[in-house]
Amino acid sequence: MIVDYTMLGAFLHCPMQFKLFVLDGLVLKEKPAPLAFGGAIHLALSEWYRSSNEEKSLQAFKDNYVDLEGEGTRTLANGERLLREYFVKYAHEPFEVIYNERSFAAHLGEIVDRNHPYLKYEPITYAGRFDSIVRWGNYVYVLEHKTTSRLGYSYFEQFFPNIQLDGYAFLCRALIGKCDGAVVNALGVNKSTQAEREKGGTSNYYRHISSRTEKQLDAFQADTMRIVECIHHSTVYHAFYQNKTACSTWGMCSYRDICRANFDSRVIEMGYRKVKWNALLGRQEEMEGGENQ
């Protein structure tokens, strides 16, 4: 079995969400604006750290984002402004980029299921895709890009403890032999004007180092294996429950309409399309044969 943070996060949020996304391959036909905007910014920053070419980076953003109706903040104009100011602010980085947009996988452990009639042993691989891995002085960090509309010091409290960054640090250690944690590279999405920013009233850019120790990375491995055992049990024995305390968190669950309609196929056909989650590459892949295959 190959697992990654996206799969773990879905299962921990709600086992039924895991089934609908990972096993059934359902995603919303219309991607929410924060995800679409953040994804396009990620692609632009990936190009920036690959080529240091401002125009290529801006083009990567514009090629992957369109203005959405009713969205006044996450717009092409604001995204381009955010990136141009980023390129000026971080024209001279304090670190060296070792890897950029690198996928990697490492052995996590083994599942032994003595109760299953034929599946007695299964190796588990943990996979992830780094935004970047950087060397900053004597330290090695994962560089993780984040876009948010709630940027402030308290924003960074969510990253320790944090299973996503733990996993990236675990893979970084497996790849190059060490990892001291992650640099959270946050870009704030807001409507502040150039005059306000020049007065120092608003900052769109913060970086925060979230350190990890060897013991914490070992604990991630052990804890993740326990989660994977639960995923294995739910998958093999078709036992997925709805975590109804999570339906309205994170801006509403993407599958809330399906559950509210008692899994009515008409709701699924109207609002969702079929994809396959590729954990090794950390991306959705379109299903052959159209949206509703």
C-alpha atoms as a PDB file:
ATOM      1  CA  MET A   1       0.000   0.000   0.000  1.00  0.00           C
ATOM      2  CA  ILE A   2       1.201   3.515  -0.861  1.00  0.00           C
ATOM      3  CA  VAL A   3      -0.051   6.352   1.342  1.00  0.00           C
ATOM      4  CA  ASP A   4       0.577  10.074   1.560  1.00  0.00           C
ATOM      5  CA  TYR A   5      -0.559  13.053   3.600  1.00  0.00           C
ATOM      6  CA  THR A   6      -3.603  13.711   1.416  1.00  0.00           C
ATOM      7  CA  MET A   7      -4.876  10.199   2.077  1.00  0.00           C
ATOM      8  CA  LEU A   8      -4.084  10.329   5.793  1.00  0.00           C
ATOM      9  CA  GLY A   9      -5.691  13.749   6.140  1.00  0.00           C
ATOM     10  CA  ALA A  10      -8.865  12.596   4.412  1.00  0.00           C
ATOM     11  CA  PHE A  11      -9.163   9.529   6.632  1.00  0.00           C
ATOM     12  CA  LEU A  12      -8.483  11.420   9.860  1.00  0.00           C
ATOM     13  CA  HIS A  13     -10.983  14.104   8.866  1.00  0.00           C
ATOM     14  CA  CYS A  14     -13.658  11.533   8.034  1.00  0.00           C
ATOM     15  CA  PRO A  15     -13.340   7.875   6.940  1.00  0.00           C
ATOM     16  CA  MET A  16     -16.245   8.377   4.537  1.00  0.00           C
ATOM     17  CA  GLN A  17     -14.385  11.302   2.964  1.00  0.00           C
ATOM     18  CA  PHE A  18     -11.450   8.940   2.403  1.00  0.00           C
ATOM     19  CA  LYS A  19     -13.710   6.414   0.683  1.00  0.00           C
ATOM     20  CA  LEU A  20     -15.382   8.983  -1.557  1.00  0.00           C
ATOM     21  CA  PHE A  21     -12.104  10.627  -2.565  1.00  0.00           C
ATOM     22  CA  VAL A  22      -9.472   7.877  -2.598  1.00  0.00           C
ATOM     23  CA  LEU A  23     -11.514   4.766  -3.391  1.00  0.00           C
ATOM     24  CA  ASP A  24     -14.427   6.213  -5.382  1.00  0.00           C
ATOM     25  CA  GLY A  25     -12.329   8.979  -6.949  1.00  0.00           C
ATOM     26  CA  LEU A  26     -14.903  11.753  -6.582  1.00  0.00           C
ATOM     27  CA  VAL A  27     -13.964  15.437  -6.602  1.00  0.00           C
ATOM     28  CA  LEU A  28     -16.007  18.586  -7.106  1.00  0.00           C
ATOM     29  CA  LYS A  29     -16.429  19.619 -10.731  1.00  0.00           C
ATOM     30  CA  GLU A  30     -15.692  23.207  -9.723  1.00  0.00           C
ATOM     31  CA  LYS A  31     -12.528  23.514  -7.650  1.00  0.00           C
ATOM     32  CA  PRO A  32     -12.960  25.963  -4.707  1.00  0.00           C
ATOM     33  CA  ALA A  33     -11.249  29.320  -5.268  1.00  0.00           C
ATOM     34  CA  PRO A  34      -8.711  28.966  -2.390  1.00  0.00           C
ATOM     35  CA  LEU A  35      -7.476  25.632  -3.774  1.00  0.00           C
ATOM     36  CA  ALA A  36      -7.353  26.832  -7.368  1.00  0.00           C
ATOM     37  CA  PHE A  37      -5.576  30.090  -6.463  1.00  0.00           C
ATOM     38  CA  GLY A  38      -3.135  28.409  -4.087  1.00  0.00           C
ATOM     39  CA  GLY A  39      -2.313  25.734  -6.652  1.00  0.00           C
ATOM     40  CA  ALA A  40      -1.532  28.328  -9.320  1.00  0.00           C
ATOM     41  CA  ILE A  41       0.704  30.281  -6.905  1.00  0.00           C
ATOM     42  CA  HIS A  42       2.540  27.019  -6.106  1.00  0.00           C
ATOM     43  CA  LEU A  43       3.224  26.436  -9.802  1.00  0.00           C
ATOM     44  CA  ALA A  44       4.532  29.977 -10.181  1.00  0.00           C
ATOM     45  CA  LEU A  45       6.879  29.611  -7.198  1.00  0.00           C
ATOM     46  CA  SER A  46       8.062  26.245  -8.493  1.00  0.00           C
ATOM     47  CA  GLU A  47       9.061  27.918 -11.752  1.00  0.00           C
ATOM     48  CA  TRP A  48      10.697  30.770  -9.839  1.00  0.00           C
ATOM     49  CA  TYR A  49      12.940  28.432  -7.842  1.00  0.00           C
ATOM     50  CA  ARG A  50      13.677  26.442 -10.989  1.00  0.00           C
ATOM     51  CA  SER A  51      14.581  29.238 -13.384  1.00  0.00           C
ATOM     52  CA  SER A  52      14.679  32.528 -11.401  1.00  0.00           C
ATOM     53  CA  ASN A  53      12.754  33.937 -14.356  1.00  0.00           C
ATOM     54  CA  GLU A  54      10.062  36.357 -13.268  1.00  0.00           C
ATOM     55  CA  GLU A  55       8.089  36.363 -16.507  1.00  0.00           C
ATOM     56  CA  LYS A  56       8.054  32.567 -16.802  1.00  0.00           C
ATOM     57  CA  SER A  57       6.840  32.348 -13.218  1.00  0.00           C
ATOM     58  CA  LEU A  58       4.061  34.867 -13.792  1.00  0.00           C
ATOM     59  CA  GLN A  59       3.047  33.036 -16.946  1.00  0.00           C
ATOM     60  CA  ALA A  60       2.819  29.770 -15.004  1.00  0.00           C
ATOM     61  CA  PHE A  61       0.350  31.470 -12.672  1.00  0.00           C
ATOM     62  CA  LYS A  62      -1.737  32.988 -15.486  1.00  0.00           C
ATOM     63  CA  ASP A  63      -1.807  29.711 -17.409  1.00  0.00           C
ATOM     64  CA  ASN A  64      -3.321  27.905 -14.426  1.00  0.00           C
ATOM     65  CA  TYR A  65      -5.817  30.369 -12.974  1.00  0.00           C
ATOM     66  CA  VAL A  66      -8.843  32.270 -14.232  1.00  0.00           C
ATOM     67  CA  ASP A  67     -10.906  34.854 -12.371  1.00  0.00           C
ATOM     68  CA  LEU A  68     -13.919  33.246 -10.730  1.00  0.00           C
ATOM     69  CA  GLU A  69     -17.306  34.907 -10.525  1.00  0.00           C
ATOM     70  CA  GLY A  70     -17.894  36.549  -7.161  1.00  0.00           C
ATOM     71  CA  GLU A  71     -14.259  36.201  -6.051  1.00  0.00           C
ATOM     72  CA  GLY A  72     -12.941  39.664  -5.211  1.00  0.00           C
ATOM     73  CA  THR A  73      -9.631  38.767  -3.544  1.00  0.00           C
ATOM     74  CA  ARG A  74      -8.225  35.744  -5.356  1.00  0.00           C
ATOM     75  CA  THR A  75      -7.967  37.379  -8.757  1.00  0.00           C
ATOM     76  CA  LEU A  76      -5.406  37.312 -11.555  1.00  0.00           C
ATOM     77  CA  ALA A  77      -4.464  40.914 -10.799  1.00  0.00           C
ATOM     78  CA  ASN A  78      -3.928  40.293  -7.075  1.00  0.00           C
ATOM     79  CA  GLY A  79      -2.035  37.078  -7.766  1.00  0.00           C
ATOM     80  CA  GLU A  80       0.315  38.798 -10.188  1.00  0.00           C
ATOM     81  CA  ARG A  81       0.862  41.638  -7.713  1.00  0.00           C
ATOM     82  CA  LEU A  82       1.530  39.161  -4.896  1.00  0.00           C
ATOM     83  CA  LEU A  83       4.116  37.328  -6.985  1.00  0.00           C
ATOM     84  CA  ARG A  84       5.880  40.445  -8.269  1.00  0.00           C
ATOM     85  CA  GLU A  85       6.330  41.755  -4.736  1.00  0.00           C
ATOM     86  CA  TYR A  86       7.490  38.309  -3.601  1.00  0.00           C
ATOM     87  CA  PHE A  87      10.204  38.272  -6.280  1.00  0.00           C
ATOM     88  CA  VAL A  88      11.476  41.634  -5.036  1.00  0.00           C
ATOM     89  CA  LYS A  89      11.332  40.737  -1.347  1.00  0.00           C
ATOM     90  CA  TYR A  90      13.111  37.403  -1.805  1.00  0.00           C
ATOM     91  CA  ALA A  91      15.418  38.317  -4.667  1.00  0.00           C
ATOM     92  CA  HIS A  92      18.368  37.124  -2.579  1.00  0.00           C
ATOM     93  CA  GLU A  93      17.544  34.005  -0.590  1.00  0.00           C
ATOM     94  CA  PRO A  94      19.456  32.978   2.570  1.00  0.00           C
ATOM     95  CA  PHE A  95      19.346  29.325   1.527  1.00  0.00           C
ATOM     96  CA  GLU A  96      20.411  27.024  -1.288  1.00  0.00           C
ATOM     97  CA  VAL A  97      17.746  24.980  -3.068  1.00  0.00           C
ATOM     98  CA  ILE A  98      18.777  21.310  -3.096  1.00  0.00           C
ATOM     99  CA  TYR A  99      15.614  19.882  -4.662  1.00  0.00           C
ATOM    100  CA  ASN A 100      12.684  21.661  -6.274  1.00  0.00           C
ATOM    101  CA  GLU A 101       9.288  19.967  -6.788  1.00  0.00           C
ATOM    102  CA  ARG A 102      10.682  16.542  -5.980  1.00  0.00           C
ATOM    103  CA  SER A 103       8.553  13.439  -5.423  1.00  0.00           C
ATOM    104  CA  PHE A 104       9.947  10.791  -3.108  1.00  0.00           C
ATOM    105  CA  ALA A 105       8.767   7.655  -1.300  1.00  0.00           C
ATOM    106  CA  ALA A 106      10.201   5.631   1.580  1.00  0.00           C
ATOM    107  CA  HIS A 107       9.411   2.413   3.401  1.00  0.00           C
ATOM    108  CA  LEU A 108       7.190   3.085   6.413  1.00  0.00           C
ATOM    109  CA  GLY A 109       6.501  -0.383   7.865  1.00  0.00           C
ATOM    110  CA  GLU A 110       4.480  -3.541   7.409  1.00  0.00           C
ATOM    111  CA  ILE A 111       0.918  -4.556   8.172  1.00  0.00           C
ATOM    112  CA  VAL A 112       0.287  -8.062   9.469  1.00  0.00           C
ATOM    113  CA  ASP A 113      -3.373  -9.096   9.327  1.00  0.00           C
ATOM    114  CA  ARG A 114      -3.707 -12.549  10.867  1.00  0.00           C
ATOM    115  CA  ASN A 115      -7.507 -12.491  10.601  1.00  0.00           C
ATOM    116  CA  HIS A 116      -7.703 -11.968   6.853  1.00  0.00           C
ATOM    117  CA  PRO A 117      -8.097 -15.175   4.805  1.00  0.00           C
ATOM    118  CA  TYR A 118      -5.369 -14.326   2.270  1.00  0.00           C
ATOM    119  CA  LEU A 119      -3.836 -10.908   3.016  1.00  0.00           C
ATOM    120  CA  LYS A 120      -1.384 -11.736   5.802  1.00  0.00           C
ATOM    121  CA  TYR A 121       1.398  -9.239   5.130  1.00  0.00           C
ATOM    122  CA  GLU A 122       1.572  -5.915   3.307  1.00  0.00           C
ATOM    123  CA  PRO A 123       4.493  -3.475   3.071  1.00  0.00           C
ATOM    124  CA  ILE A 124       3.603   0.211   3.479  1.00  0.00           C
ATOM    125  CA  THR A 125       5.267   3.007   1.506  1.00  0.00           C
ATOM    126  CA  TYR A 126       4.933   6.672   2.440  1.00  0.00           C
ATOM    127  CA  ALA A 127       5.080   9.143  -0.448  1.00  0.00           C
ATOM    128  CA  GLY A 128       5.154  12.904  -0.795  1.00  0.00           C
ATOM    129  CA  ARG A 129       5.992  15.751  -3.128  1.00  0.00           C
ATOM    130  CA  PHE A 130       8.186  18.533  -1.759  1.00  0.00           C
ATOM    131  CA  ASP A 131       7.796  22.128  -2.817  1.00  0.00           C
ATOM    132  CA  SER A 132      11.540  22.407  -2.180  1.00  0.00           C
ATOM    133  CA  ILE A 133      14.301  21.122   0.081  1.00  0.00           C
ATOM    134  CA  VAL A 134      16.818  23.787   1.068  1.00  0.00           C
ATOM    135  CA  ARG A 135      20.120  24.022   2.880  1.00  0.00           C
ATOM    136  CA  TRP A 136      20.175  27.028   5.225  1.00  0.00           C
ATOM    137  CA  GLY A 137      23.598  27.276   6.815  1.00  0.00           C
ATOM    138  CA  ASN A 138      24.159  23.989   8.630  1.00  0.00           C
ATOM    139  CA  TYR A 139      20.477  23.069   8.548  1.00  0.00           C
ATOM    140  CA  VAL A 140      18.346  21.211   6.024  1.00  0.00           C
ATOM    141  CA  TYR A 141      14.676  22.157   5.768  1.00  0.00           C
ATOM    142  CA  VAL A 142      11.649  21.391   3.680  1.00  0.00           C
ATOM    143  CA  LEU A 143      10.376  24.650   2.144  1.00  0.00           C
ATOM    144  CA  GLU A 144       6.579  24.556   2.149  1.00  0.00           C
ATOM    145  CA  HIS A 145       4.591  27.262   0.333  1.00  0.00           C
ATOM    146  CA  LYS A 146       1.231  28.307   1.808  1.00  0.00           C
ATOM    147  CA  THR A 147      -1.323  30.884   0.703  1.00  0.00           C
ATOM    148  CA  THR A 148      -3.834  32.135   3.259  1.00  0.00           C
ATOM    149  CA  SER A 149      -6.295  34.929   3.902  1.00  0.00           C
ATOM    150  CA  ARG A 150      -5.622  34.748   7.668  1.00  0.00           C
ATOM    151  CA  LEU A 151      -1.936  35.534   7.822  1.00  0.00           C
ATOM    152  CA  GLY A 152      -0.529  36.515  11.200  1.00  0.00           C
ATOM    153  CA  TYR A 153       1.738  35.104  13.881  1.00  0.00           C
ATOM    154  CA  SER A 154      -0.975  32.807  15.251  1.00  0.00           C
ATOM    155  CA  TYR A 155      -1.345  31.293  11.775  1.00  0.00           C
ATOM    156  CA  PHE A 156       1.858  29.316  12.314  1.00  0.00           C
ATOM    157  CA  GLU A 157       0.648  27.600  15.486  1.00  0.00           C
ATOM    158  CA  GLN A 158      -1.048  24.965  13.321  1.00  0.00           C
ATOM    159  CA  PHE A 159       2.272  23.669  11.989  1.00  0.00           C
ATOM    160  CA  PHE A 160       3.515  22.091  15.198  1.00  0.00           C
ATOM    161  CA  PRO A 161       2.382  19.473  15.776  1.00  0.00           C
ATOM    162  CA  ASN A 162       1.426  18.877  12.145  1.00  0.00           C
ATOM    163  CA  ILE A 163       1.278  15.539  10.360  1.00  0.00           C
ATOM    164  CA  GLN A 164       1.863  17.029   6.903  1.00  0.00           C
ATOM    165  CA  LEU A 165       5.163  18.669   7.828  1.00  0.00           C
ATOM    166  CA  ASP A 166       6.148  15.626   9.911  1.00  0.00           C
ATOM    167  CA  GLY A 167       5.726  13.484   6.800  1.00  0.00           C
ATOM    168  CA  TYR A 168       7.751  15.796   4.589  1.00  0.00           C
ATOM    169  CA  ALA A 169      10.537  15.903   7.177  1.00  0.00           C
ATOM    170  CA  PHE A 170      10.442  12.094   7.461  1.00  0.00           C
ATOM    171  CA  LEU A 171      10.853  11.763   3.689  1.00  0.00           C
ATOM    172  CA  CYS A 172      13.546  14.450   3.584  1.00  0.00           C
ATOM    173  CA  ARG A 173      15.550  12.517   6.185  1.00  0.00           C
ATOM    174  CA  ALA A 174      15.126   9.315   4.187  1.00  0.00           C
ATOM    175  CA  LEU A 175      16.242  11.076   0.987  1.00  0.00           C
ATOM    176  CA  ILE A 176      19.359  12.945   2.124  1.00  0.00           C
ATOM    177  CA  GLY A 177      20.079  11.607   5.611  1.00  0.00           C
ATOM    178  CA  LYS A 178      18.908  14.510   7.747  1.00  0.00           C
ATOM    179  CA  CYS A 179      16.130  17.037   8.163  1.00  0.00           C
ATOM    180  CA  ASP A 180      15.834  19.774  10.757  1.00  0.00           C
ATOM    181  CA  GLY A 181      12.206  20.606  10.038  1.00  0.00           C
ATOM    182  CA  ALA A 182      10.361  22.901   7.659  1.00  0.00           C
ATOM    183  CA  VAL A 183      10.301  26.527   6.600  1.00  0.00           C
ATOM    184  CA  VAL A 184       6.676  27.581   6.172  1.00  0.00           C
ATOM    185  CA  ASN A 185       6.736  30.182   3.397  1.00  0.00           C
ATOM    186  CA  ALA A 186       3.405  31.978   3.781  1.00  0.00           C
ATOM    187  CA  LEU A 187       1.857  34.420   1.327  1.00  0.00           C
ATOM    188  CA  GLY A 188      -1.100  36.426   2.541  1.00  0.00           C
ATOM    189  CA  VAL A 189      -4.024  36.953   0.203  1.00  0.00           C
ATOM    190  CA  ASN A 190      -5.751  40.276   0.915  1.00  0.00           C
ATOM    191  CA  LYS A 191      -6.911  43.503  -0.689  1.00  0.00           C
ATOM    192  CA  SER A 192      -4.324  45.812   0.840  1.00  0.00           C
ATOM    193  CA  THR A 193      -3.181  48.693  -1.360  1.00  0.00           C
ATOM    194  CA  GLN A 194       0.395  49.504  -2.314  1.00  0.00           C
ATOM    195  CA  ALA A 195       0.225  52.658  -0.149  1.00  0.00           C
ATOM    196  CA  GLU A 196      -0.847  50.634   2.895  1.00  0.00           C
ATOM    197  CA  ARG A 197       1.991  48.177   2.386  1.00  0.00           C
ATOM    198  CA  GLU A 198       4.561  50.943   1.956  1.00  0.00           C
ATOM    199  CA  LYS A 199       3.444  52.422   5.296  1.00  0.00           C
ATOM    200  CA  GLY A 200       4.127  49.090   6.952  1.00  0.00           C
ATOM    201  CA  GLY A 201       0.515  48.544   7.926  1.00  0.00           C
ATOM    202  CA  THR A 202       0.179  45.262   6.074  1.00  0.00           C
ATOM    203  CA  SER A 203       2.597  42.438   5.366  1.00  0.00           C
ATOM    204  CA  ASN A 204       1.808  39.729   2.858  1.00  0.00           C
ATOM    205  CA  TYR A 205       4.873  37.609   3.546  1.00  0.00           C
ATOM    206  CA  TYR A 206       6.043  35.703   6.601  1.00  0.00           C
ATOM    207  CA  ARG A 207       8.369  32.775   7.086  1.00  0.00           C
ATOM    208  CA  HIS A 208       8.400  30.492  10.076  1.00  0.00           C
ATOM    209  CA  ILE A 209      10.822  27.686  10.934  1.00  0.00           C
ATOM    210  CA  SER A 210       9.056  24.664  12.406  1.00  0.00           C
ATOM    211  CA  SER A 211      11.784  22.409  13.781  1.00  0.00           C
ATOM    212  CA  ARG A 212      11.693  18.628  14.103  1.00  0.00           C
ATOM    213  CA  THR A 213      13.889  16.257  16.116  1.00  0.00           C
ATOM    214  CA  GLU A 214      14.913  12.691  15.330  1.00  0.00           C
ATOM    215  CA  LYS A 215      12.578  11.393  18.052  1.00  0.00           C
ATOM    216  CA  GLN A 216       9.656  13.323  16.608  1.00  0.00           C
ATOM    217  CA  LEU A 217      10.261  11.858  13.148  1.00  0.00           C
ATOM    218  CA  ASP A 218      10.478   8.353  14.639  1.00  0.00           C
ATOM    219  CA  ALA A 219       7.190   9.024  16.446  1.00  0.00           C
ATOM    220  CA  PHE A 220       5.608  10.116  13.144  1.00  0.00           C
ATOM    221  CA  GLN A 221       6.554   6.776  11.626  1.00  0.00           C
ATOM    222  CA  ALA A 222       5.024   4.807  14.497  1.00  0.00           C
ATOM    223  CA  ASP A 223       1.859   6.926  14.675  1.00  0.00           C
ATOM    224  CA  THR A 224       1.331   6.833  10.925  1.00  0.00           C
ATOM    225  CA  MET A 225       1.544   3.055  10.893  1.00  0.00           C
ATOM    226  CA  ARG A 226      -1.300   2.978  13.429  1.00  0.00           C
ATOM    227  CA  ILE A 227      -3.385   5.211  11.158  1.00  0.00           C
ATOM    228  CA  VAL A 228      -2.567   3.043   8.137  1.00  0.00           C
ATOM    229  CA  GLU A 229      -3.692  -0.039  10.045  1.00  0.00           C
ATOM    230  CA  CYS A 230      -7.069   1.650  10.550  1.00  0.00           C
ATOM    231  CA  ILE A 231      -7.232   2.525   6.840  1.00  0.00           C
ATOM    232  CA  HIS A 232      -6.360  -1.072   5.973  1.00  0.00           C
ATOM    233  CA  HIS A 233      -9.072  -2.452   8.241  1.00  0.00           C
ATOM    234  CA  SER A 234     -11.716  -0.050   6.889  1.00  0.00           C
ATOM    235  CA  THR A 235     -10.773  -0.814   3.274  1.00  0.00           C
ATOM    236  CA  VAL A 236     -10.522  -4.594   3.542  1.00  0.00           C
ATOM    237  CA  TYR A 237     -13.672  -4.964   5.613  1.00  0.00           C
ATOM    238  CA  HIS A 238     -15.651  -2.140   3.907  1.00  0.00           C
ATOM    239  CA  ALA A 239     -16.165  -0.314   7.195  1.00  0.00           C
ATOM    240  CA  PHE A 240     -16.292   3.456   6.665  1.00  0.00           C
ATOM    241  CA  TYR A 241     -18.240   5.662   9.049  1.00  0.00           C
ATOM    242  CA  GLN A 242     -19.250   9.304   8.767  1.00  0.00           C
ATOM    243  CA  ASN A 243     -17.509  11.662  11.159  1.00  0.00           C
ATOM    244  CA  LYS A 244     -20.429  14.073  11.477  1.00  0.00           C
ATOM    245  CA  THR A 245     -18.505  16.438  13.749  1.00  0.00           C
ATOM    246  CA  ALA A 246     -16.343  17.373  10.742  1.00  0.00           C
ATOM    247  CA  CYS A 247     -19.024  18.115   8.139  1.00  0.00           C
ATOM    248  CA  SER A 248     -18.840  21.892   8.585  1.00  0.00           C
ATOM    249  CA  THR A 249     -15.140  22.365   9.309  1.00  0.00           C
ATOM    250  CA  TRP A 250     -12.532  23.714   6.889  1.00  0.00           C
ATOM    251  CA  GLY A 251     -15.141  25.702   4.991  1.00  0.00           C
ATOM    252  CA  MET A 252     -17.532  22.757   4.659  1.00  0.00           C
ATOM    253  CA  CYS A 253     -16.548  19.245   3.593  1.00  0.00           C
ATOM    254  CA  SER A 254     -16.465  18.778  -0.181  1.00  0.00           C
ATOM    255  CA  TYR A 255     -18.690  15.718   0.178  1.00  0.00           C
ATOM    256  CA  ARG A 256     -21.318  17.257   2.451  1.00  0.00           C
ATOM    257  CA  ASP A 257     -23.927  17.353  -0.320  1.00  0.00           C
ATOM    258  CA  ILE A 258     -23.443  13.642  -1.039  1.00  0.00           C
ATOM    259  CA  CYS A 259     -23.946  12.649   2.576  1.00  0.00           C
ATOM    260  CA  ARG A 260     -26.930  15.003   3.011  1.00  0.00           C
ATOM    261  CA  ALA A 261     -28.570  13.420  -0.042  1.00  0.00           C
ATOM    262  CA  ASN A 262     -27.933   9.906   1.294  1.00  0.00           C
ATOM    263  CA  PHE A 263     -25.512   9.166  -1.576  1.00  0.00           C
ATOM    264  CA  ASP A 264     -28.060   9.906  -4.296  1.00  0.00           C
ATOM    265  CA  SER A 265     -26.421   9.166  -7.670  1.00  0.00           C
ATOM    266  CA  ARG A 266     -28.060  12.246  -9.224  1.00  0.00           C
ATOM    267  CA  VAL A 267     -26.264  14.541  -6.767  1.00  0.00           C
ATOM    268  CA  ILE A 268     -22.975  12.826  -7.548  1.00  0.00           C
ATOM    269  CA  GLU A 269     -23.472  13.131 -11.315  1.00  0.00           C
ATOM    270  CA  MET A 270     -24.425  16.815 -11.083  1.00  0.00           C
ATOM    271  CA  GLY A 271     -21.637  18.040  -8.809  1.00  0.00           C
ATOM    272  CA  TYR A 272     -18.711  15.644  -9.047  1.00  0.00           C
ATOM    273  CA  ARG A 273     -16.312  14.098 -11.511  1.00  0.00           C
ATOM    274  CA  LYS A 274     -14.094  11.024 -11.389  1.00  0.00           C
ATOM    275  CA  VAL A 275     -10.328  11.164 -10.841  1.00  0.00           C
ATOM    276  CA  LYS A 276      -7.605   8.902  -9.531  1.00  0.00           C
ATOM    277  CA  TRP A 277      -5.328  10.070  -6.733  1.00  0.00           C
ATOM    278  CA  ASN A 278      -1.661   9.339  -7.509  1.00  0.00           C
ATOM    279  CA  ALA A 279       0.067   9.292  -4.116  1.00  0.00           C
ATOM    280  CA  LEU A 280       3.530   8.824  -5.643  1.00  0.00           C
ATOM    281  CA  LEU A 281       3.235  12.061  -7.637  1.00  0.00           C
ATOM    282  CA  GLY A 282       0.901  13.869  -5.239  1.00  0.00           C
ATOM    283  CA  ARG A 283      -1.703  14.815  -7.815  1.00  0.00           C
ATOM    284  CA  GLN A 284      -5.093  13.987  -9.283  1.00  0.00           C
ATOM    285  CA  GLU A 285      -5.181  12.188 -12.606  1.00  0.00           C
ATOM    286  CA  GLU A 286      -8.192  12.336 -14.886  1.00  0.00           C
ATOM    287  CA  MET A 287     -10.020   9.093 -15.529  1.00  0.00           C
ATOM    288  CA  GLU A 288     -10.062   7.889 -19.130  1.00  0.00           C
ATOM    289  CA  GLY A 289     -13.421   7.960 -20.828  1.00  0.00           C
ATOM    290  CA  GLY A 290     -14.790  11.212 -19.421  1.00  0.00           C
ATOM    291  CA  GLU A 291     -15.998  12.759 -16.181  1.00  0.00           C
ATOM    292  CA  ASN A 292     -18.555  10.163 -15.155  1.00  0.00           C
ATOM    293  CA  GLN A 293     -16.848   6.910 -16.042  1.00  0.00           C
END
